[in-house]
Amino acid sequence: MLRQVTRNVWYAIRRSVRRVNAIIELIAQPSFTQFVLRIGLATPFWRSGTNKWDGFLQLNDVAVLLFSTEFRLHLPGGPYSFPAPEATAFLVGSAEILFPVLLILGLATRVAACGLLVMTLVVELTVPDGWPVHVTWAAIALGIMAWGPGRLSLDYWFERRKG
């Protein structure tokens, strides 16, 4: 008798878990999830990038100052300053605008995610105490690189047109 009750309870629990999982699968469709991951990775880099510019191709003084004085690579024997701070600030600021746009559009998505992963690793070397956030960015970038942009992307659209 007790054994039958225990089986029935476990059966009810398994059935409930299956129902909940089915609902979750409906909500978390892979393409929608991949789109949200792309937005999640693009947002912090876009915000950082927009703060570096005063106008079209015109870096603000704060961006150059940060790369000249504040940002240092924490490597063995370091910290080291970035070489050519104006050029570095320009490249980083440009990448922080370009890669997020590519991610949102889903165009050259894996390349953009890889670029932001590399930038995340450099940011981690510059601000080592920020690792909890940086590991999240790295995980998102790796997920996008591994599973691609999903159906809600220009990459997918171009692939389908190619046949």
C-alpha atoms as a PDB file:
ATOM      1  CA  MET A   1       0.000   0.000   0.000  1.00  0.00           C
ATOM      2  CA  LEU A   2       2.723   2.467   1.022  1.00  0.00           C
ATOM      3  CA  ARG A   3       4.737   1.488  -2.020  1.00  0.00           C
ATOM      4  CA  GLN A   4       1.791   2.273  -4.320  1.00  0.00           C
ATOM      5  CA  VAL A   5       1.282   5.692  -2.687  1.00  0.00           C
ATOM      6  CA  THR A   6       4.983   6.465  -3.079  1.00  0.00           C
ATOM      7  CA  ARG A   7       4.827   5.504  -6.774  1.00  0.00           C
ATOM      8  CA  ASN A   8       1.794   7.686  -7.315  1.00  0.00           C
ATOM      9  CA  VAL A   9       3.465  10.651  -5.642  1.00  0.00           C
ATOM     10  CA  TRP A  10       6.602  10.250  -7.748  1.00  0.00           C
ATOM     11  CA  TYR A  11       4.494   9.832 -10.880  1.00  0.00           C
ATOM     12  CA  ALA A  12       2.616  13.075 -10.087  1.00  0.00           C
ATOM     13  CA  ILE A  13       5.883  14.907  -9.438  1.00  0.00           C
ATOM     14  CA  ARG A  14       7.399  13.679 -12.719  1.00  0.00           C
ATOM     15  CA  ARG A  15       4.258  14.635 -14.640  1.00  0.00           C
ATOM     16  CA  SER A  16       4.283  18.117 -13.089  1.00  0.00           C
ATOM     17  CA  VAL A  17       7.974  18.582 -13.877  1.00  0.00           C
ATOM     18  CA  ARG A  18       7.348  17.535 -17.505  1.00  0.00           C
ATOM     19  CA  ARG A  19       4.504  20.048 -17.813  1.00  0.00           C
ATOM     20  CA  VAL A  20       6.610  22.854 -16.357  1.00  0.00           C
ATOM     21  CA  ASN A  21       9.497  21.936 -18.681  1.00  0.00           C
ATOM     22  CA  ALA A  22       7.150  21.980 -21.678  1.00  0.00           C
ATOM     23  CA  ILE A  23       5.967  25.474 -20.755  1.00  0.00           C
ATOM     24  CA  ILE A  24       9.544  26.657 -20.290  1.00  0.00           C
ATOM     25  CA  GLU A  25      10.506  25.221 -23.687  1.00  0.00           C
ATOM     26  CA  LEU A  26       7.660  27.198 -25.285  1.00  0.00           C
ATOM     27  CA  ILE A  27       8.898  30.416 -23.686  1.00  0.00           C
ATOM     28  CA  ALA A  28      12.630  29.882 -24.235  1.00  0.00           C
ATOM     29  CA  GLN A  29      12.670  29.102 -27.948  1.00  0.00           C
ATOM     30  CA  PRO A  30      16.284  28.760 -29.166  1.00  0.00           C
ATOM     31  CA  SER A  31      16.111  31.591 -31.713  1.00  0.00           C
ATOM     32  CA  PHE A  32      14.515  33.969 -29.219  1.00  0.00           C
ATOM     33  CA  THR A  33      17.098  32.988 -26.601  1.00  0.00           C
ATOM     34  CA  GLN A  34      19.951  33.562 -29.067  1.00  0.00           C
ATOM     35  CA  PHE A  35      18.510  36.990 -29.915  1.00  0.00           C
ATOM     36  CA  VAL A  36      18.306  37.930 -26.224  1.00  0.00           C
ATOM     37  CA  LEU A  37      21.896  36.743 -25.697  1.00  0.00           C
ATOM     38  CA  ARG A  38      23.015  38.985 -28.568  1.00  0.00           C
ATOM     39  CA  ILE A  39      21.233  41.972 -27.018  1.00  0.00           C
ATOM     40  CA  GLY A  40      22.658  41.145 -23.584  1.00  0.00           C
ATOM     41  CA  LEU A  41      26.225  41.128 -24.879  1.00  0.00           C
ATOM     42  CA  ALA A  42      25.801  44.145 -27.152  1.00  0.00           C
ATOM     43  CA  THR A  43      24.349  46.482 -24.514  1.00  0.00           C
ATOM     44  CA  PRO A  44      27.325  47.068 -22.158  1.00  0.00           C
ATOM     45  CA  PHE A  45      29.771  47.461 -25.023  1.00  0.00           C
ATOM     46  CA  TRP A  46      27.456  49.849 -26.921  1.00  0.00           C
ATOM     47  CA  ARG A  47      27.035  51.989 -23.791  1.00  0.00           C
ATOM     48  CA  SER A  48      30.771  52.087 -23.235  1.00  0.00           C
ATOM     49  CA  GLY A  49      31.397  52.901 -26.885  1.00  0.00           C
ATOM     50  CA  THR A  50      28.921  55.784 -27.035  1.00  0.00           C
ATOM     51  CA  ASN A  51      30.619  57.355 -24.012  1.00  0.00           C
ATOM     52  CA  LYS A  52      33.916  57.593 -25.914  1.00  0.00           C
ATOM     53  CA  TRP A  53      32.700  59.796 -28.780  1.00  0.00           C
ATOM     54  CA  ASP A  54      31.802  63.491 -29.087  1.00  0.00           C
ATOM     55  CA  GLY A  55      30.746  63.208 -32.704  1.00  0.00           C
ATOM     56  CA  PHE A  56      31.334  61.239 -35.862  1.00  0.00           C
ATOM     57  CA  LEU A  57      34.903  59.837 -35.664  1.00  0.00           C
ATOM     58  CA  GLN A  58      35.719  62.366 -32.933  1.00  0.00           C
ATOM     59  CA  LEU A  59      36.938  60.826 -29.682  1.00  0.00           C
ATOM     60  CA  ASN A  60      36.293  62.782 -26.536  1.00  0.00           C
ATOM     61  CA  ASP A  61      39.190  63.862 -24.333  1.00  0.00           C
ATOM     62  CA  VAL A  62      38.121  61.590 -21.468  1.00  0.00           C
ATOM     63  CA  ALA A  63      38.504  58.447 -23.604  1.00  0.00           C
ATOM     64  CA  VAL A  64      42.047  59.384 -24.611  1.00  0.00           C
ATOM     65  CA  LEU A  65      42.891  60.388 -21.026  1.00  0.00           C
ATOM     66  CA  LEU A  66      41.659  57.033 -19.689  1.00  0.00           C
ATOM     67  CA  PHE A  67      43.829  55.086 -22.129  1.00  0.00           C
ATOM     68  CA  SER A  68      46.770  57.419 -21.385  1.00  0.00           C
ATOM     69  CA  THR A  69      46.676  57.384 -17.600  1.00  0.00           C
ATOM     70  CA  GLU A  70      44.056  55.151 -15.976  1.00  0.00           C
ATOM     71  CA  PHE A  71      43.754  51.941 -17.995  1.00  0.00           C
ATOM     72  CA  ARG A  72      46.655  49.581 -17.379  1.00  0.00           C
ATOM     73  CA  LEU A  73      47.153  45.949 -18.345  1.00  0.00           C
ATOM     74  CA  HIS A  74      47.720  43.886 -15.208  1.00  0.00           C
ATOM     75  CA  LEU A  75      50.202  41.329 -16.479  1.00  0.00           C
ATOM     76  CA  PRO A  76      53.155  39.695 -14.724  1.00  0.00           C
ATOM     77  CA  GLY A  77      55.801  42.373 -14.215  1.00  0.00           C
ATOM     78  CA  GLY A  78      53.144  45.075 -14.845  1.00  0.00           C
ATOM     79  CA  PRO A  79      50.932  47.012 -14.824  1.00  0.00           C
ATOM     80  CA  TYR A  80      51.647  48.229 -18.342  1.00  0.00           C
ATOM     81  CA  SER A  81      50.238  51.242 -20.171  1.00  0.00           C
ATOM     82  CA  PHE A  82      48.516  50.830 -23.507  1.00  0.00           C
ATOM     83  CA  PRO A  83      50.755  51.750 -26.449  1.00  0.00           C
ATOM     84  CA  ALA A  84      49.606  54.714 -28.559  1.00  0.00           C
ATOM     85  CA  PRO A  85      46.671  55.696 -26.300  1.00  0.00           C
ATOM     86  CA  GLU A  86      44.906  57.776 -28.969  1.00  0.00           C
ATOM     87  CA  ALA A  87      45.011  54.962 -31.518  1.00  0.00           C
ATOM     88  CA  THR A  88      44.018  52.400 -28.897  1.00  0.00           C
ATOM     89  CA  ALA A  89      41.094  54.549 -27.719  1.00  0.00           C
ATOM     90  CA  PHE A  90      39.982  55.003 -31.345  1.00  0.00           C
ATOM     91  CA  LEU A  91      40.144  51.276 -32.114  1.00  0.00           C
ATOM     92  CA  VAL A  92      38.407  50.255 -28.911  1.00  0.00           C
ATOM     93  CA  GLY A  93      35.740  52.952 -29.269  1.00  0.00           C
ATOM     94  CA  SER A  94      35.101  51.896 -32.870  1.00  0.00           C
ATOM     95  CA  ALA A  95      34.887  48.208 -31.957  1.00  0.00           C
ATOM     96  CA  GLU A  96      32.508  49.012 -29.090  1.00  0.00           C
ATOM     97  CA  ILE A  97      30.138  50.581 -31.616  1.00  0.00           C
ATOM     98  CA  LEU A  98      30.614  48.223 -34.585  1.00  0.00           C
ATOM     99  CA  PHE A  99      30.468  44.822 -32.844  1.00  0.00           C
ATOM    100  CA  PRO A 100      27.219  45.538 -30.921  1.00  0.00           C
ATOM    101  CA  VAL A 101      25.536  46.757 -34.117  1.00  0.00           C
ATOM    102  CA  LEU A 102      26.603  43.559 -35.885  1.00  0.00           C
ATOM    103  CA  LEU A 103      25.326  41.480 -32.962  1.00  0.00           C
ATOM    104  CA  ILE A 104      21.912  43.144 -32.897  1.00  0.00           C
ATOM    105  CA  LEU A 105      21.537  42.718 -36.656  1.00  0.00           C
ATOM    106  CA  GLY A 106      22.850  39.178 -36.468  1.00  0.00           C
ATOM    107  CA  LEU A 107      25.408  39.927 -39.164  1.00  0.00           C
ATOM    108  CA  ALA A 108      28.874  38.344 -38.922  1.00  0.00           C
ATOM    109  CA  THR A 109      27.577  37.350 -35.514  1.00  0.00           C
ATOM    110  CA  ARG A 110      30.209  34.827 -34.508  1.00  0.00           C
ATOM    111  CA  VAL A 111      33.004  37.184 -35.568  1.00  0.00           C
ATOM    112  CA  ALA A 112      31.455  40.045 -33.564  1.00  0.00           C
ATOM    113  CA  ALA A 113      31.029  37.807 -30.510  1.00  0.00           C
ATOM    114  CA  CYS A 114      34.642  36.656 -30.842  1.00  0.00           C
ATOM    115  CA  GLY A 115      35.791  40.293 -31.034  1.00  0.00           C
ATOM    116  CA  LEU A 116      33.840  41.143 -27.885  1.00  0.00           C
ATOM    117  CA  LEU A 117      35.257  38.058 -26.153  1.00  0.00           C
ATOM    118  CA  VAL A 118      38.789  39.290 -26.900  1.00  0.00           C
ATOM    119  CA  MET A 119      37.822  42.754 -25.651  1.00  0.00           C
ATOM    120  CA  THR A 120      36.363  41.174 -22.503  1.00  0.00           C
ATOM    121  CA  LEU A 121      39.652  39.392 -21.835  1.00  0.00           C
ATOM    122  CA  VAL A 122      41.550  42.679 -22.223  1.00  0.00           C
ATOM    123  CA  VAL A 123      39.027  44.444 -19.974  1.00  0.00           C
ATOM    124  CA  GLU A 124      39.593  41.728 -17.383  1.00  0.00           C
ATOM    125  CA  LEU A 125      43.334  42.380 -17.549  1.00  0.00           C
ATOM    126  CA  THR A 126      42.626  46.096 -17.142  1.00  0.00           C
ATOM    127  CA  VAL A 127      40.027  45.839 -14.356  1.00  0.00           C
ATOM    128  CA  PRO A 128      40.711  42.515 -12.603  1.00  0.00           C
ATOM    129  CA  ASP A 129      38.181  43.153  -9.828  1.00  0.00           C
ATOM    130  CA  GLY A 130      35.354  43.130 -12.379  1.00  0.00           C
ATOM    131  CA  TRP A 131      35.629  39.398 -13.043  1.00  0.00           C
ATOM    132  CA  PRO A 132      32.044  38.497 -11.982  1.00  0.00           C
ATOM    133  CA  VAL A 133      30.658  40.690 -14.768  1.00  0.00           C
ATOM    134  CA  HIS A 134      33.427  39.830 -17.209  1.00  0.00           C
ATOM    135  CA  VAL A 135      32.898  36.080 -16.855  1.00  0.00           C
ATOM    136  CA  THR A 136      29.216  36.661 -17.666  1.00  0.00           C
ATOM    137  CA  TRP A 137      30.143  38.571 -20.829  1.00  0.00           C
ATOM    138  CA  ALA A 138      32.602  35.817 -21.768  1.00  0.00           C
ATOM    139  CA  ALA A 139      29.960  33.119 -21.239  1.00  0.00           C
ATOM    140  CA  ILE A 140      27.461  34.964 -23.423  1.00  0.00           C
ATOM    141  CA  ALA A 141      30.073  35.521 -26.143  1.00  0.00           C
ATOM    142  CA  LEU A 142      31.065  31.849 -26.073  1.00  0.00           C
ATOM    143  CA  GLY A 143      27.400  30.810 -26.275  1.00  0.00           C
ATOM    144  CA  ILE A 144      26.859  33.002 -29.332  1.00  0.00           C
ATOM    145  CA  MET A 145      30.055  31.699 -30.918  1.00  0.00           C
ATOM    146  CA  ALA A 146      29.035  28.091 -30.252  1.00  0.00           C
ATOM    147  CA  TRP A 147      25.354  28.184 -31.241  1.00  0.00           C
ATOM    148  CA  GLY A 148      25.323  31.072 -33.688  1.00  0.00           C
ATOM    149  CA  PRO A 149      22.847  33.908 -34.080  1.00  0.00           C
ATOM    150  CA  GLY A 150      19.656  31.884 -34.477  1.00  0.00           C
ATOM    151  CA  ARG A 151      16.832  32.413 -36.952  1.00  0.00           C
ATOM    152  CA  LEU A 152      16.229  36.039 -35.951  1.00  0.00           C
ATOM    153  CA  SER A 153      19.337  37.260 -37.742  1.00  0.00           C
ATOM    154  CA  LEU A 154      20.647  38.481 -41.069  1.00  0.00           C
ATOM    155  CA  ASP A 155      23.194  35.650 -41.041  1.00  0.00           C
ATOM    156  CA  TYR A 156      20.351  33.126 -41.046  1.00  0.00           C
ATOM    157  CA  TRP A 157      18.481  35.060 -43.755  1.00  0.00           C
ATOM    158  CA  PHE A 158      21.555  35.213 -46.016  1.00  0.00           C
ATOM    159  CA  GLU A 159      22.242  31.492 -45.498  1.00  0.00           C
ATOM    160  CA  ARG A 160      18.672  30.604 -46.468  1.00  0.00           C
ATOM    161  CA  ARG A 161      18.840  32.790 -49.587  1.00  0.00           C
ATOM    162  CA  LYS A 162      22.109  31.140 -50.574  1.00  0.00           C
ATOM    163  CA  GLY A 163      20.310  27.821 -50.490  1.00  0.00           C
END
